[in-house]
């Protein structure tokens, strides 16, 4: 079993990475293989909205996202780690989410993986991050585990949060245990980025 931590902060060794590592260590202690992937220094271009991937199952943009695709597909669980910028997730996190539109075909999607969030910020943006990423998980049929939201402004602030560190390690444990249950969505219910409300005919 493998748990992937996607650190979407450009600050290496910062608060987001610290709590994400705590969660990964909790997963490792539960017997999982772990990997921390830092987006810092990587070339990840925004989605250009061509929609070709909906037909081909492949994104035509050649950059470091190609590597991220494979790591996400190989993992049994994915922890999204992001700081709060202007009351929402970091741009790098949103770009990765947008680019996973390409992961929507049978045999090449994120369905039945376990997902969770580690978010760090100094104000109200944490709730927006959780809302947006958990809604994303639902559309991708990713099984949502718990989350950890830590308050911190300066680098190293979260290292003082004993309860936060404990919660992060417990999150890693939870990820492994949920993944071990091998839940699967019914195969006739396909994941979709489209939602339909009562205003649709």
Protein backbone atom coordinates (compact mmCIF):
# COMPACT_ATOMS: atom_id res chain seq x y z
CA UNK A 1 0.00 0.00 0.00
CA UNK A 2 1.26 3.48 -0.87
CA UNK A 3 0.27 6.87 0.49
CA UNK A 4 1.29 9.95 -1.50
CA UNK A 5 1.63 13.38 0.04
CA UNK A 6 1.34 16.23 -2.48
CA UNK A 7 2.94 19.31 -0.97
CA UNK A 8 1.55 22.26 -2.92
CA UNK A 9 3.57 24.89 -1.08
CA UNK A 10 6.47 26.70 -2.70
CA UNK A 11 8.14 27.04 0.71
CA UNK A 12 10.29 23.96 1.23
CA UNK A 13 10.41 22.83 4.83
CA UNK A 14 7.51 25.09 5.74
CA UNK A 15 4.41 24.54 7.87
CA UNK A 16 2.45 22.63 5.22
CA UNK A 17 5.32 20.25 4.54
CA UNK A 18 5.88 19.71 8.25
CA UNK A 19 2.30 18.61 8.98
CA UNK A 20 2.15 16.61 5.76
CA UNK A 21 5.26 14.72 6.84
CA UNK A 22 3.67 14.02 10.22
CA UNK A 23 0.69 12.47 8.44
CA UNK A 24 2.96 10.40 6.21
CA UNK A 25 4.86 9.12 9.23
CA UNK A 26 1.56 8.00 10.73
CA UNK A 27 0.87 6.07 7.53
CA UNK A 28 4.36 4.57 7.55
CA UNK A 29 3.92 3.37 11.12
CA UNK A 30 0.74 1.62 9.95
CA UNK A 31 2.83 -0.29 7.39
CA UNK A 32 2.37 1.81 4.25
CA UNK A 33 4.98 2.90 1.75
CA UNK A 34 5.04 6.70 1.71
CA UNK A 35 6.19 9.42 -0.67
CA UNK A 36 6.33 13.18 -0.29
CA UNK A 37 6.14 15.03 -3.61
CA UNK A 38 7.00 18.74 -3.54
CA UNK A 39 5.63 20.90 -6.34
CA UNK A 40 8.22 23.55 -5.49
CA UNK A 41 10.51 24.00 -8.47
CA UNK A 42 8.33 21.90 -10.77
CA UNK A 43 6.88 23.05 -14.06
CA UNK A 44 3.11 22.58 -13.84
CA UNK A 45 1.25 24.56 -16.45
CA UNK A 46 -2.43 25.46 -16.13
CA UNK A 47 -5.12 23.53 -17.96
CA UNK A 48 -5.84 25.20 -21.32
CA UNK A 49 -9.40 23.87 -21.52
CA UNK A 50 -8.90 22.02 -24.80
CA UNK A 51 -10.98 19.03 -23.52
CA UNK A 52 -8.96 16.65 -25.71
CA UNK A 53 -8.26 14.49 -22.65
CA UNK A 54 -11.94 13.68 -22.38
CA UNK A 55 -11.57 11.77 -25.64
CA UNK A 56 -7.99 10.56 -25.53
CA UNK A 57 -7.53 10.14 -21.77
CA UNK A 58 -4.20 11.94 -22.07
CA UNK A 59 -3.21 15.54 -21.43
CA UNK A 60 -1.35 17.06 -24.38
CA UNK A 61 0.65 19.41 -22.12
CA UNK A 62 4.09 17.95 -21.51
CA UNK A 63 5.45 19.08 -18.16
CA UNK A 64 6.00 17.72 -14.63
CA UNK A 65 2.29 16.97 -14.31
CA UNK A 66 2.95 13.85 -16.36
CA UNK A 67 5.00 12.52 -13.44
CA UNK A 68 2.32 13.55 -10.94
CA UNK A 69 -0.33 11.66 -12.91
CA UNK A 70 1.60 8.42 -12.54
CA UNK A 71 2.26 8.96 -8.84
CA UNK A 72 -1.43 9.65 -8.18
CA UNK A 73 -2.49 6.58 -10.14
CA UNK A 74 0.00 4.34 -8.30
CA UNK A 75 -1.04 5.55 -4.84
CA UNK A 76 -3.76 3.98 -2.71
CA UNK A 77 -4.20 7.24 -0.81
CA UNK A 78 -3.42 10.88 -1.57
CA UNK A 79 -2.98 13.65 0.98
CA UNK A 80 -3.32 17.11 -0.53
CA UNK A 81 -1.20 19.61 1.40
CA UNK A 82 -1.64 23.32 0.77
CA UNK A 83 -1.22 26.66 2.49
CA UNK A 84 -4.02 29.20 2.44
CA UNK A 85 -3.46 32.09 0.03
CA UNK A 86 -6.13 34.79 -0.15
CA UNK A 87 -8.70 32.61 1.62
CA UNK A 88 -8.27 29.58 -0.59
CA UNK A 89 -5.86 26.87 -1.69
CA UNK A 90 -2.52 27.73 -3.26
CA UNK A 91 -2.55 28.15 -7.02
CA UNK A 92 -0.33 25.08 -7.45
CA UNK A 93 -2.94 22.91 -5.74
CA UNK A 94 -5.76 24.25 -7.92
CA UNK A 95 -3.69 23.74 -11.07
CA UNK A 96 -3.04 20.10 -10.18
CA UNK A 97 -6.75 19.57 -9.51
CA UNK A 98 -7.69 21.16 -12.83
CA UNK A 99 -5.17 19.06 -14.73
CA UNK A 100 -6.56 15.80 -13.29
CA UNK A 101 -9.51 16.23 -15.62
CA UNK A 102 -7.33 13.96 -17.77
CA UNK A 103 -7.73 11.18 -15.18
CA UNK A 104 -11.32 10.30 -15.93
CA UNK A 105 -11.34 7.20 -18.11
CA UNK A 106 -11.93 3.58 -17.06
CA UNK A 107 -8.69 2.11 -15.82
CA UNK A 108 -7.07 5.53 -15.58
CA UNK A 109 -8.87 7.47 -12.88
CA UNK A 110 -8.72 8.23 -9.16
CA UNK A 111 -11.86 6.33 -8.13
CA UNK A 112 -11.70 4.32 -4.89
CA UNK A 113 -8.49 5.92 -3.67
CA UNK A 114 -8.55 7.49 -0.21
CA UNK A 115 -8.05 11.24 0.02
CA UNK A 116 -7.44 13.77 2.75
CA UNK A 117 -6.24 17.32 3.26
CA UNK A 118 -3.56 19.04 5.29
CA UNK A 119 -4.10 22.81 5.20
CA UNK A 120 -2.22 25.59 6.95
CA UNK A 121 -3.12 29.25 7.21
CA UNK A 122 -3.67 32.14 9.52
CA UNK A 123 -7.32 32.91 9.00
CA UNK A 124 -10.65 31.87 7.51
CA UNK A 125 -9.30 30.45 4.26
CA UNK A 126 -8.86 27.00 5.78
CA UNK A 127 -12.59 26.28 5.57
CA UNK A 128 -12.63 27.22 1.88
CA UNK A 129 -9.73 24.88 1.16
CA UNK A 130 -11.47 21.96 2.83
CA UNK A 131 -14.76 22.64 1.08
CA UNK A 132 -13.21 22.89 -2.36
CA UNK A 133 -10.91 19.86 -2.13
CA UNK A 134 -13.53 17.60 -0.55
CA UNK A 135 -16.02 18.54 -3.27
CA UNK A 136 -13.32 17.66 -5.81
CA UNK A 137 -12.88 14.27 -4.14
CA UNK A 138 -16.60 13.54 -4.47
CA UNK A 139 -16.54 14.23 -8.21
CA UNK A 140 -13.53 11.93 -8.62
CA UNK A 141 -15.01 9.17 -6.41
CA UNK A 142 -12.11 9.52 -4.00
CA UNK A 143 -13.04 8.25 -0.53
CA UNK A 144 -12.64 11.17 1.88
CA UNK A 145 -10.79 10.61 5.14
CA UNK A 146 -10.42 13.28 7.81
CA UNK A 147 -8.37 16.47 7.56
CA UNK A 148 -5.90 18.52 9.55
CA UNK A 149 -6.08 22.32 9.53
CA UNK A 150 -3.27 24.13 11.33
CA UNK A 151 -2.97 27.80 12.15
CA UNK A 152 0.37 29.35 11.43
CA UNK A 153 1.79 32.50 9.86
CA UNK A 154 5.53 32.21 10.31
CA UNK A 155 7.64 29.29 9.18
CA UNK A 156 7.78 26.77 12.02
CA UNK A 157 4.62 27.91 13.81
CA UNK A 158 2.88 24.55 13.45
CA UNK A 159 5.79 22.69 15.04
CA UNK A 160 4.48 24.03 18.36
CA UNK A 161 1.01 22.57 17.86
CA UNK A 162 1.18 19.28 19.78
CA UNK A 163 -2.46 18.44 19.14
CA UNK A 164 -2.00 19.30 15.47
CA UNK A 165 0.97 16.96 15.14
CA UNK A 166 -0.94 14.19 16.89
CA UNK A 167 -3.96 14.73 14.63
CA UNK A 168 -1.74 14.58 11.53
CA UNK A 169 -0.20 11.26 12.57
CA UNK A 170 -3.67 9.88 13.32
CA UNK A 171 -4.78 11.04 9.88
CA UNK A 172 -2.03 8.96 8.28
CA UNK A 173 -3.14 5.93 10.27
CA UNK A 174 -6.74 6.49 9.22
CA UNK A 175 -5.75 6.73 5.55
CA UNK A 176 -4.10 3.32 5.62
CA UNK A 177 -6.95 1.65 7.48
CA UNK A 178 -9.61 3.02 5.14
CA UNK A 179 -7.58 2.05 2.07
CA UNK A 180 -7.20 -1.43 3.55
CA UNK A 181 -10.98 -1.89 3.49
CA UNK A 182 -10.85 -1.97 -0.34
CA UNK A 183 -14.13 -0.13 -0.83
CA UNK A 184 -15.20 0.26 -4.46
CA UNK A 185 -17.88 2.41 -6.02
CA UNK A 186 -20.35 0.47 -8.19
CA UNK A 187 -18.77 0.12 -11.63
CA UNK A 188 -21.88 1.41 -13.40
CA UNK A 189 -21.56 4.74 -11.57
CA UNK A 190 -18.80 6.63 -13.35
CA UNK A 191 -16.97 9.64 -11.87
CA UNK A 192 -17.80 12.94 -13.54
CA UNK A 193 -16.71 16.56 -13.30
CA UNK A 194 -20.23 17.62 -14.22
CA UNK A 195 -22.98 18.19 -11.68
CA UNK A 196 -26.61 18.50 -12.59
CA UNK A 197 -29.07 20.58 -10.62
CA UNK A 198 -32.81 21.13 -10.78
CA UNK A 199 -32.29 23.85 -13.41
CA UNK A 200 -31.26 21.23 -15.98
CA UNK A 201 -33.86 19.90 -18.42
